[in-house]
Amino acid sequence: PPRSPSPTMSTSTAWSRTSWRSRPCRHQPTYPDAKALQQVKTSLDGLPALVSFKEVQALRSKLTQVYEGKCFYLQGGHCAETFDHCNKESI
């Protein structure tokens, strides 16, 4: 039987591009320079998405198969990306 959603995830709140802003920030650093922070946000907002909608849908489909016991999930990565690699050519 399907498990119920995590207590930290709300199924009643509709997702939108900015809905994350209404969620609590528990591990957010304090940025003393609001103007610089806004410049960074504006710069990041202009970058292409890191993951496409099609990729998200494919992952959800595969994770459903994992949950149903039809396959297993193996994740790997070096987790050492740099900000230099966050550009249109690399993405």
PDB file of N, CA and C in Angstrom:
ATOM      1  N   PRO A   1       0.833  -1.200   0.000  1.00  0.00           N
ATOM      2  CA  PRO A   1       0.000   0.000   0.000  1.00  0.00           C
ATOM      3  C   PRO A   1       0.869   1.251   0.000  1.00  0.00           C
ATOM      4  N   PRO A   2       0.448   2.292  -0.673  1.00  0.00           N
ATOM      5  CA  PRO A   2       1.227   3.531  -0.703  1.00  0.00           C
ATOM      6  C   PRO A   2       1.360   4.147   0.677  1.00  0.00           C
ATOM      7  N   ARG A   3       2.541   4.674   0.939  1.00  0.00           N
ATOM      8  CA  ARG A   3       2.778   5.355   2.209  1.00  0.00           C
ATOM      9  C   ARG A   3       2.204   6.766   2.147  1.00  0.00           C
ATOM     10  N   SER A   4       1.877   7.297   3.326  1.00  0.00           N
ATOM     11  CA  SER A   4       1.395   8.673   3.362  1.00  0.00           C
ATOM     12  C   SER A   4       2.579   9.612   3.198  1.00  0.00           C
ATOM     13  N   PRO A   5       2.342  10.822   2.730  1.00  0.00           N
ATOM     14  CA  PRO A   5       3.430  11.778   2.524  1.00  0.00           C
ATOM     15  C   PRO A   5       4.134  12.097   3.831  1.00  0.00           C
ATOM     16  N   SER A   6       5.356  12.515   3.699  1.00  0.00           N
ATOM     17  CA  SER A   6       6.139  12.932   4.851  1.00  0.00           C
ATOM     18  C   SER A   6       5.417  14.057   5.582  1.00  0.00           C
ATOM     19  N   PRO A   7       5.509  14.089   6.916  1.00  0.00           N
ATOM     20  CA  PRO A   7       4.839  15.165   7.650  1.00  0.00           C
ATOM     21  C   PRO A   7       5.384  16.547   7.307  1.00  0.00           C
ATOM     22  N   THR A   8       6.587  16.611   6.761  1.00  0.00           N
ATOM     23  CA  THR A   8       7.150  17.918   6.396  1.00  0.00           C
ATOM     24  C   THR A   8       6.697  18.366   5.021  1.00  0.00           C
ATOM     25  N   MET A   9       6.050  17.488   4.271  1.00  0.00           N
ATOM     26  CA  MET A   9       5.579  17.843   2.937  1.00  0.00           C
ATOM     27  C   MET A   9       4.075  18.063   2.974  1.00  0.00           C
ATOM     28  N   SER A  10       3.650  19.155   2.446  1.00  0.00           N
ATOM     29  CA  SER A  10       2.226  19.450   2.414  1.00  0.00           C
ATOM     30  C   SER A  10       1.664  19.077   1.058  1.00  0.00           C
ATOM     31  N   THR A  11       0.634  18.262   1.059  1.00  0.00           N
ATOM     32  CA  THR A  11       0.000  17.914  -0.209  1.00  0.00           C
ATOM     33  C   THR A  11      -1.119  18.888  -0.537  1.00  0.00           C
ATOM     34  N   SER A  12      -1.493  19.734   0.435  1.00  0.00           N
ATOM     35  CA  SER A  12      -2.579  20.670   0.191  1.00  0.00           C
ATOM     36  C   SER A  12      -2.090  21.990  -0.396  1.00  0.00           C
ATOM     37  N   THR A  13      -0.791  22.255  -0.324  1.00  0.00           N
ATOM     38  CA  THR A  13      -0.243  23.492  -0.849  1.00  0.00           C
ATOM     39  C   THR A  13       0.168  23.280  -2.300  1.00  0.00           C
ATOM     40  N   ALA A  14      -0.379  24.088  -3.168  1.00  0.00           N
ATOM     41  CA  ALA A  14      -0.043  23.983  -4.592  1.00  0.00           C
ATOM     42  C   ALA A  14       1.363  24.507  -4.821  1.00  0.00           C
ATOM     43  N   TRP A  15       2.101  23.810  -5.674  1.00  0.00           N
ATOM     44  CA  TRP A  15       3.447  24.232  -6.009  1.00  0.00           C
ATOM     45  C   TRP A  15       3.390  25.299  -7.087  1.00  0.00           C
ATOM     46  N   SER A  16       4.278  26.259  -6.973  1.00  0.00           N
ATOM     47  CA  SER A  16       4.478  27.249  -8.016  1.00  0.00           C
ATOM     48  C   SER A  16       5.951  27.616  -8.014  1.00  0.00           C
ATOM     49  N   ARG A  17       6.354  28.376  -8.990  1.00  0.00           N
ATOM     50  CA  ARG A  17       7.773  28.746  -9.110  1.00  0.00           C
ATOM     51  C   ARG A  17       8.274  29.490  -7.873  1.00  0.00           C
ATOM     52  N   THR A  18       7.397  30.184  -7.194  1.00  0.00           N
ATOM     53  CA  THR A  18       7.813  30.953  -6.019  1.00  0.00           C
ATOM     54  C   THR A  18       7.224  30.436  -4.708  1.00  0.00           C
ATOM     55  N   SER A  19       6.544  29.297  -4.731  1.00  0.00           N
ATOM     56  CA  SER A  19       5.907  28.802  -3.508  1.00  0.00           C
ATOM     57  C   SER A  19       6.917  28.471  -2.413  1.00  0.00           C
ATOM     58  N   TRP A  20       8.155  28.180  -2.800  1.00  0.00           N
ATOM     59  CA  TRP A  20       9.181  27.880  -1.805  1.00  0.00           C
ATOM     60  C   TRP A  20       9.404  29.060  -0.859  1.00  0.00           C
ATOM     61  N   ARG A  21       9.112  30.260  -1.330  1.00  0.00           N
ATOM     62  CA  ARG A  21       9.331  31.449  -0.492  1.00  0.00           C
ATOM     63  C   ARG A  21       8.416  31.475   0.730  1.00  0.00           C
ATOM     64  N   SER A  22       7.302  30.748   0.681  1.00  0.00           N
ATOM     65  CA  SER A  22       6.390  30.728   1.826  1.00  0.00           C
ATOM     66  C   SER A  22       6.777  29.656   2.850  1.00  0.00           C
ATOM     67  N   ARG A  23       7.761  28.836   2.536  1.00  0.00           N
ATOM     68  CA  ARG A  23       8.207  27.774   3.439  1.00  0.00           C
ATOM     69  C   ARG A  23       9.201  28.327   4.455  1.00  0.00           C
ATOM     70  N   PRO A  24       9.276  27.717   5.631  1.00  0.00           N
ATOM     71  CA  PRO A  24      10.227  28.204   6.643  1.00  0.00           C
ATOM     72  C   PRO A  24      11.674  27.954   6.211  1.00  0.00           C
ATOM     73  N   CYS A  25      12.547  28.903   6.509  1.00  0.00           N
ATOM     74  CA  CYS A  25      13.979  28.778   6.221  1.00  0.00           C
ATOM     75  C   CYS A  25      14.681  28.445   7.538  1.00  0.00           C
ATOM     76  N   ARG A  26      15.041  27.198   7.710  1.00  0.00           N
ATOM     77  CA  ARG A  26      15.610  26.765   8.982  1.00  0.00           C
ATOM     78  C   ARG A  26      17.129  26.858   9.016  1.00  0.00           C
ATOM     79  N   HIS A  27      17.773  26.827   7.875  1.00  0.00           N
ATOM     80  CA  HIS A  27      19.235  26.827   7.850  1.00  0.00           C
ATOM     81  C   HIS A  27      19.748  27.911   6.903  1.00  0.00           C
ATOM     82  N   GLN A  28      19.137  29.041   6.933  1.00  0.00           N
ATOM     83  CA  GLN A  28      19.476  30.131   6.033  1.00  0.00           C
ATOM     84  C   GLN A  28      20.478  31.068   6.706  1.00  0.00           C
ATOM     85  N   PRO A  29      21.599  31.357   6.058  1.00  0.00           N
ATOM     86  CA  PRO A  29      22.551  32.313   6.642  1.00  0.00           C
ATOM     87  C   PRO A  29      22.011  33.732   6.582  1.00  0.00           C
ATOM     88  N   THR A  30      22.588  34.586   7.363  1.00  0.00           N
ATOM     89  CA  THR A  30      22.237  36.002   7.338  1.00  0.00           C
ATOM     90  C   THR A  30      23.160  36.702   6.341  1.00  0.00           C
ATOM     91  N   TYR A  31      22.567  37.453   5.437  1.00  0.00           N
ATOM     92  CA  TYR A  31      23.347  38.187   4.438  1.00  0.00           C
ATOM     93  C   TYR A  31      23.332  39.668   4.798  1.00  0.00           C
ATOM     94  N   PRO A  32      24.482  40.211   5.183  1.00  0.00           N
ATOM     95  CA  PRO A  32      24.515  41.605   5.645  1.00  0.00           C
ATOM     96  C   PRO A  32      24.314  42.641   4.542  1.00  0.00           C
ATOM     97  N   ASP A  33      24.586  42.279   3.291  1.00  0.00           N
ATOM     98  CA  ASP A  33      24.476  43.228   2.185  1.00  0.00           C
ATOM     99  C   ASP A  33      23.265  42.869   1.323  1.00  0.00           C
ATOM    100  N   ALA A  34      22.129  43.495   1.626  1.00  0.00           N
ATOM    101  CA  ALA A  34      20.871  43.182   0.925  1.00  0.00           C
ATOM    102  C   ALA A  34      20.966  43.489  -0.571  1.00  0.00           C
ATOM    103  N   LYS A  35      21.686  44.542  -0.927  1.00  0.00           N
ATOM    104  CA  LYS A  35      21.813  44.902  -2.345  1.00  0.00           C
ATOM    105  C   LYS A  35      22.603  43.836  -3.102  1.00  0.00           C
ATOM    106  N   ALA A  36      23.694  43.376  -2.534  1.00  0.00           N
ATOM    107  CA  ALA A  36      24.493  42.325  -3.178  1.00  0.00           C
ATOM    108  C   ALA A  36      23.683  41.038  -3.285  1.00  0.00           C
ATOM    109  N   LEU A  37      22.922  40.729  -2.245  1.00  0.00           N
ATOM    110  CA  LEU A  37      22.079  39.539  -2.272  1.00  0.00           C
ATOM    111  C   LEU A  37      21.061  39.624  -3.404  1.00  0.00           C
ATOM    112  N   GLN A  38      20.445  40.774  -3.568  1.00  0.00           N
ATOM    113  CA  GLN A  38      19.470  40.949  -4.641  1.00  0.00           C
ATOM    114  C   GLN A  38      20.128  40.814  -6.010  1.00  0.00           C
ATOM    115  N   GLN A  39      21.351  41.312  -6.151  1.00  0.00           N
ATOM    116  CA  GLN A  39      22.076  41.181  -7.420  1.00  0.00           C
ATOM    117  C   GLN A  39      22.333  39.705  -7.746  1.00  0.00           C
ATOM    118  N   VAL A  40      22.699  38.942  -6.735  1.00  0.00           N
ATOM    119  CA  VAL A  40      22.942  37.508  -6.935  1.00  0.00           C
ATOM    120  C   VAL A  40      21.640  36.811  -7.310  1.00  0.00           C
ATOM    121  N   LYS A  41      20.552  37.126  -6.609  1.00  0.00           N
ATOM    122  CA  LYS A  41      19.256  36.529  -6.930  1.00  0.00           C
ATOM    123  C   LYS A  41      18.852  36.845  -8.368  1.00  0.00           C
ATOM    124  N   THR A  42      19.053  38.070  -8.789  1.00  0.00           N
ATOM    125  CA  THR A  42      18.713  38.477 -10.152  1.00  0.00           C
ATOM    126  C   THR A  42      19.564  37.713 -11.159  1.00  0.00           C
ATOM    127  N   SER A  43      20.855  37.573 -10.860  1.00  0.00           N
ATOM    128  CA  SER A  43      21.754  36.834 -11.742  1.00  0.00           C
ATOM    129  C   SER A  43      21.330  35.371 -11.849  1.00  0.00           C
ATOM    130  N   LEU A  44      21.017  34.739 -10.722  1.00  0.00           N
ATOM    131  CA  LEU A  44      20.593  33.338 -10.724  1.00  0.00           C
ATOM    132  C   LEU A  44      19.259  33.160 -11.429  1.00  0.00           C
ATOM    133  N   ASP A  45      18.392  34.134 -11.286  1.00  0.00           N
ATOM    134  CA  ASP A  45      17.074  34.050 -11.924  1.00  0.00           C
ATOM    135  C   ASP A  45      17.183  34.034 -13.447  1.00  0.00           C
ATOM    136  N   GLY A  46      18.280  34.571 -13.978  1.00  0.00           N
ATOM    137  CA  GLY A  46      18.470  34.614 -15.418  1.00  0.00           C
ATOM    138  C   GLY A  46      19.092  33.354 -15.997  1.00  0.00           C
ATOM    139  N   LEU A  47      19.523  32.427 -15.140  1.00  0.00           N
ATOM    140  CA  LEU A  47      20.146  31.195 -15.628  1.00  0.00           C
ATOM    141  C   LEU A  47      19.082  30.180 -16.033  1.00  0.00           C
ATOM    142  N   PRO A  48      19.423  29.275 -16.928  1.00  0.00           N
ATOM    143  CA  PRO A  48      18.465  28.229 -17.308  1.00  0.00           C
ATOM    144  C   PRO A  48      18.239  27.268 -16.147  1.00  0.00           C
ATOM    145  N   ALA A  49      17.131  26.581 -16.178  1.00  0.00           N
ATOM    146  CA  ALA A  49      16.821  25.601 -15.140  1.00  0.00           C
ATOM    147  C   ALA A  49      17.890  24.511 -15.123  1.00  0.00           C
ATOM    148  N   LEU A  50      18.217  24.026 -13.935  1.00  0.00           N
ATOM    149  CA  LEU A  50      19.211  22.958 -13.823  1.00  0.00           C
ATOM    150  C   LEU A  50      18.649  21.622 -14.281  1.00  0.00           C
ATOM    151  N   VAL A  51      17.345  21.448 -14.099  1.00  0.00           N
ATOM    152  CA  VAL A  51      16.689  20.189 -14.433  1.00  0.00           C
ATOM    153  C   VAL A  51      15.419  20.518 -15.207  1.00  0.00           C
ATOM    154  N   SER A  52      15.183  19.791 -16.291  1.00  0.00           N
ATOM    155  CA  SER A  52      13.981  20.043 -17.077  1.00  0.00           C
ATOM    156  C   SER A  52      12.777  19.329 -16.475  1.00  0.00           C
ATOM    157  N   PHE A  53      11.596  19.783 -16.830  1.00  0.00           N
ATOM    158  CA  PHE A  53      10.367  19.151 -16.363  1.00  0.00           C
ATOM    159  C   PHE A  53      10.327  17.689 -16.796  1.00  0.00           C
ATOM    160  N   LYS A  54      10.781  17.426 -18.010  1.00  0.00           N
ATOM    161  CA  LYS A  54      10.798  16.048 -18.530  1.00  0.00           C
ATOM    162  C   LYS A  54      11.692  15.151 -17.667  1.00  0.00           C
ATOM    163  N   GLU A  55      12.833  15.681 -17.235  1.00  0.00           N
ATOM    164  CA  GLU A  55      13.730  14.912 -16.367  1.00  0.00           C
ATOM    165  C   GLU A  55      13.095  14.638 -15.004  1.00  0.00           C
ATOM    166  N   VAL A  56      12.373  15.608 -14.472  1.00  0.00           N
ATOM    167  CA  VAL A  56      11.689  15.431 -13.191  1.00  0.00           C
ATOM    168  C   VAL A  56      10.629  14.338 -13.314  1.00  0.00           C
ATOM    169  N   GLN A  57       9.853  14.388 -14.375  1.00  0.00           N
ATOM    170  CA  GLN A  57       8.820  13.380 -14.597  1.00  0.00           C
ATOM    171  C   GLN A  57       9.437  11.984 -14.734  1.00  0.00           C
ATOM    172  N   ALA A  58      10.540  11.876 -15.453  1.00  0.00           N
ATOM    173  CA  ALA A  58      11.212  10.585 -15.629  1.00  0.00           C
ATOM    174  C   ALA A  58      11.706  10.046 -14.293  1.00  0.00           C
ATOM    175  N   LEU A  59      12.273  10.930 -13.463  1.00  0.00           N
ATOM    176  CA  LEU A  59      12.744  10.506 -12.143  1.00  0.00           C
ATOM    177  C   LEU A  59      11.583  10.050 -11.271  1.00  0.00           C
ATOM    178  N   ARG A  60      10.495  10.795 -11.289  1.00  0.00           N
ATOM    179  CA  ARG A  60       9.321  10.391 -10.499  1.00  0.00           C
ATOM    180  C   ARG A  60       8.828   9.017 -10.925  1.00  0.00           C
ATOM    181  N   SER A  61       8.809   8.770 -12.218  1.00  0.00           N
ATOM    182  CA  SER A  61       8.368   7.475 -12.732  1.00  0.00           C
ATOM    183  C   SER A  61       9.290   6.363 -12.240  1.00  0.00           C
ATOM    184  N   LYS A  62      10.591   6.589 -12.324  1.00  0.00           N
ATOM    185  CA  LYS A  62      11.557   5.587 -11.857  1.00  0.00           C
ATOM    186  C   LYS A  62      11.443   5.373 -10.350  1.00  0.00           C
ATOM    187  N   LEU A  63      11.282   6.453  -9.579  1.00  0.00           N
ATOM    188  CA  LEU A  63      11.165   6.310  -8.125  1.00  0.00           C
ATOM    189  C   LEU A  63       9.884   5.571  -7.741  1.00  0.00           C
ATOM    190  N   THR A  64       8.848   5.725  -8.535  1.00  0.00           N
ATOM    191  CA  THR A  64       7.626   4.957  -8.306  1.00  0.00           C
ATOM    192  C   THR A  64       7.923   3.471  -8.484  1.00  0.00           C
ATOM    193  N   GLN A  65       8.696   3.138  -9.505  1.00  0.00           N
ATOM    194  CA  GLN A  65       9.074   1.741  -9.725  1.00  0.00           C
ATOM    195  C   GLN A  65       9.932   1.211  -8.571  1.00  0.00           C
ATOM    196  N   VAL A  66      10.801   2.056  -8.031  1.00  0.00           N
ATOM    197  CA  VAL A  66      11.607   1.660  -6.873  1.00  0.00           C
ATOM    198  C   VAL A  66      10.688   1.374  -5.694  1.00  0.00           C
ATOM    199  N   TYR A  67       9.763   2.278  -5.435  1.00  0.00           N
ATOM    200  CA  TYR A  67       8.825   2.121  -4.324  1.00  0.00           C
ATOM    201  C   TYR A  67       8.010   0.837  -4.467  1.00  0.00           C
ATOM    202  N   GLU A  68       7.646   0.507  -5.681  1.00  0.00           N
ATOM    203  CA  GLU A  68       6.851  -0.699  -5.929  1.00  0.00           C
ATOM    204  C   GLU A  68       7.697  -1.971  -5.957  1.00  0.00           C
ATOM    205  N   GLY A  69       9.004  -1.830  -5.761  1.00  0.00           N
ATOM    206  CA  GLY A  69       9.885  -2.986  -5.729  1.00  0.00           C
ATOM    207  C   GLY A  69      10.218  -3.546  -7.099  1.00  0.00           C
ATOM    208  N   LYS A  70      10.001  -2.779  -8.144  1.00  0.00           N
ATOM    209  CA  LYS A  70      10.246  -3.250  -9.511  1.00  0.00           C
ATOM    210  C   LYS A  70      11.679  -2.983  -9.969  1.00  0.00           C
ATOM    211  N   CYS A  71      12.394  -2.134  -9.258  1.00  0.00           N
ATOM    212  CA  CYS A  71      13.791  -1.871  -9.561  1.00  0.00           C
ATOM    213  C   CYS A  71      14.448  -1.266  -8.321  1.00  0.00           C
ATOM    214  N   PHE A  72      15.750  -1.048  -8.383  1.00  0.00           N
ATOM    215  CA  PHE A  72      16.433  -0.427  -7.250  1.00  0.00           C
ATOM    216  C   PHE A  72      17.063   0.878  -7.697  1.00  0.00           C
ATOM    217  N   TYR A  73      17.466   1.680  -6.718  1.00  0.00           N
ATOM    218  CA  TYR A  73      17.980   3.017  -6.984  1.00  0.00           C
ATOM    219  C   TYR A  73      19.410   3.098  -6.488  1.00  0.00           C
ATOM    220  N   LEU A  74      20.313   3.511  -7.344  1.00  0.00           N
ATOM    221  CA  LEU A  74      21.707   3.701  -6.988  1.00  0.00           C
ATOM    222  C   LEU A  74      22.084   5.122  -7.382  1.00  0.00           C
ATOM    223  N   GLN A  75      22.514   5.901  -6.413  1.00  0.00           N
ATOM    224  CA  GLN A  75      22.871   7.293  -6.686  1.00  0.00           C
ATOM    225  C   GLN A  75      24.370   7.461  -6.527  1.00  0.00           C
ATOM    226  N   GLY A  76      24.967   8.186  -7.436  1.00  0.00           N
ATOM    227  CA  GLY A  76      26.390   8.464  -7.356  1.00  0.00           C
ATOM    228  C   GLY A  76      26.667   9.892  -7.764  1.00  0.00           C
ATOM    229  N   GLY A  77      27.809  10.366  -7.404  1.00  0.00           N
ATOM    230  CA  GLY A  77      28.197  11.722  -7.766  1.00  0.00           C
ATOM    231  C   GLY A  77      29.340  12.178  -6.897  1.00  0.00           C
ATOM    232  N   HIS A  78      30.027  13.170  -7.356  1.00  0.00           N
ATOM    233  CA  HIS A  78      31.177  13.643  -6.588  1.00  0.00           C
ATOM    234  C   HIS A  78      30.840  14.855  -5.726  1.00  0.00           C
ATOM    235  N   CYS A  79      29.715  15.479  -5.977  1.00  0.00           N
ATOM    236  CA  CYS A  79      29.255  16.617  -5.167  1.00  0.00           C
ATOM    237  C   CYS A  79      30.317  17.696  -5.022  1.00  0.00           C
ATOM    238  N   ALA A  80      31.049  17.935  -6.075  1.00  0.00           N
ATOM    239  CA  ALA A  80      32.109  18.932  -6.015  1.00  0.00           C
ATOM    240  C   ALA A  80      31.964  19.958  -7.124  1.00  0.00           C
ATOM    241  N   GLU A  81      30.737  20.260  -7.493  1.00  0.00           N
ATOM    242  CA  GLU A  81      30.523  21.247  -8.534  1.00  0.00           C
ATOM    243  C   GLU A  81      30.985  22.619  -8.048  1.00  0.00           C
ATOM    244  N   THR A  82      31.467  23.413  -8.962  1.00  0.00           N
ATOM    245  CA  THR A  82      31.872  24.772  -8.611  1.00  0.00           C
ATOM    246  C   THR A  82      30.935  25.763  -9.295  1.00  0.00           C
ATOM    247  N   PHE A  83      30.945  26.970  -8.824  1.00  0.00           N
ATOM    248  CA  PHE A  83      30.103  27.996  -9.438  1.00  0.00           C
ATOM    249  C   PHE A  83      30.560  28.282 -10.872  1.00  0.00           C
ATOM    250  N   ASP A  84      31.814  27.989 -11.188  1.00  0.00           N
ATOM    251  CA  ASP A  84      32.302  28.177 -12.553  1.00  0.00           C
ATOM    252  C   ASP A  84      31.570  27.288 -13.543  1.00  0.00           C
ATOM    253  N   HIS A  85      31.016  26.176 -13.062  1.00  0.00           N
ATOM    254  CA  HIS A  85      30.320  25.244 -13.943  1.00  0.00           C
ATOM    255  C   HIS A  85      28.840  25.582 -14.090  1.00  0.00           C
ATOM    256  N   CYS A  86      28.374  26.592 -13.414  1.00  0.00           N
ATOM    257  CA  CYS A  86      26.966  27.008 -13.503  1.00  0.00           C
ATOM    258  C   CYS A  86      26.837  28.037 -14.612  1.00  0.00           C
ATOM    259  N   ASN A  87      26.887  27.578 -15.817  1.00  0.00           N
ATOM    260  CA  ASN A  87      26.706  28.470 -16.960  1.00  0.00           C
ATOM    261  C   ASN A  87      25.941  27.731 -18.041  1.00  0.00           C
ATOM    262  N   LYS A  88      25.494  28.461 -19.021  1.00  0.00           N
ATOM    263  CA  LYS A  88      24.652  27.895 -20.068  1.00  0.00           C
ATOM    264  C   LYS A  88      25.348  26.744 -20.799  1.00  0.00           C
ATOM    265  N   GLU A  89      26.636  26.874 -21.057  1.00  0.00           N
ATOM    266  CA  GLU A  89      27.375  25.846 -21.787  1.00  0.00           C
ATOM    267  C   GLU A  89      27.463  24.545 -20.983  1.00  0.00           C
ATOM    268  N   SER A  90      27.732  24.639 -19.690  1.00  0.00           N
ATOM    269  CA  SER A  90      27.866  23.446 -18.854  1.00  0.00           C
ATOM    270  C   SER A  90      26.525  22.782 -18.585  1.00  0.00           C
ATOM    271  N   ILE A  91      25.501  23.583 -18.436  1.00  0.00           N
ATOM    272  CA  ILE A  91      24.188  23.056 -18.103  1.00  0.00           C
ATOM    273  C   ILE A  91      23.553  22.488 -19.343  1.00  0.00           C
TER     274      ILE A  91
END
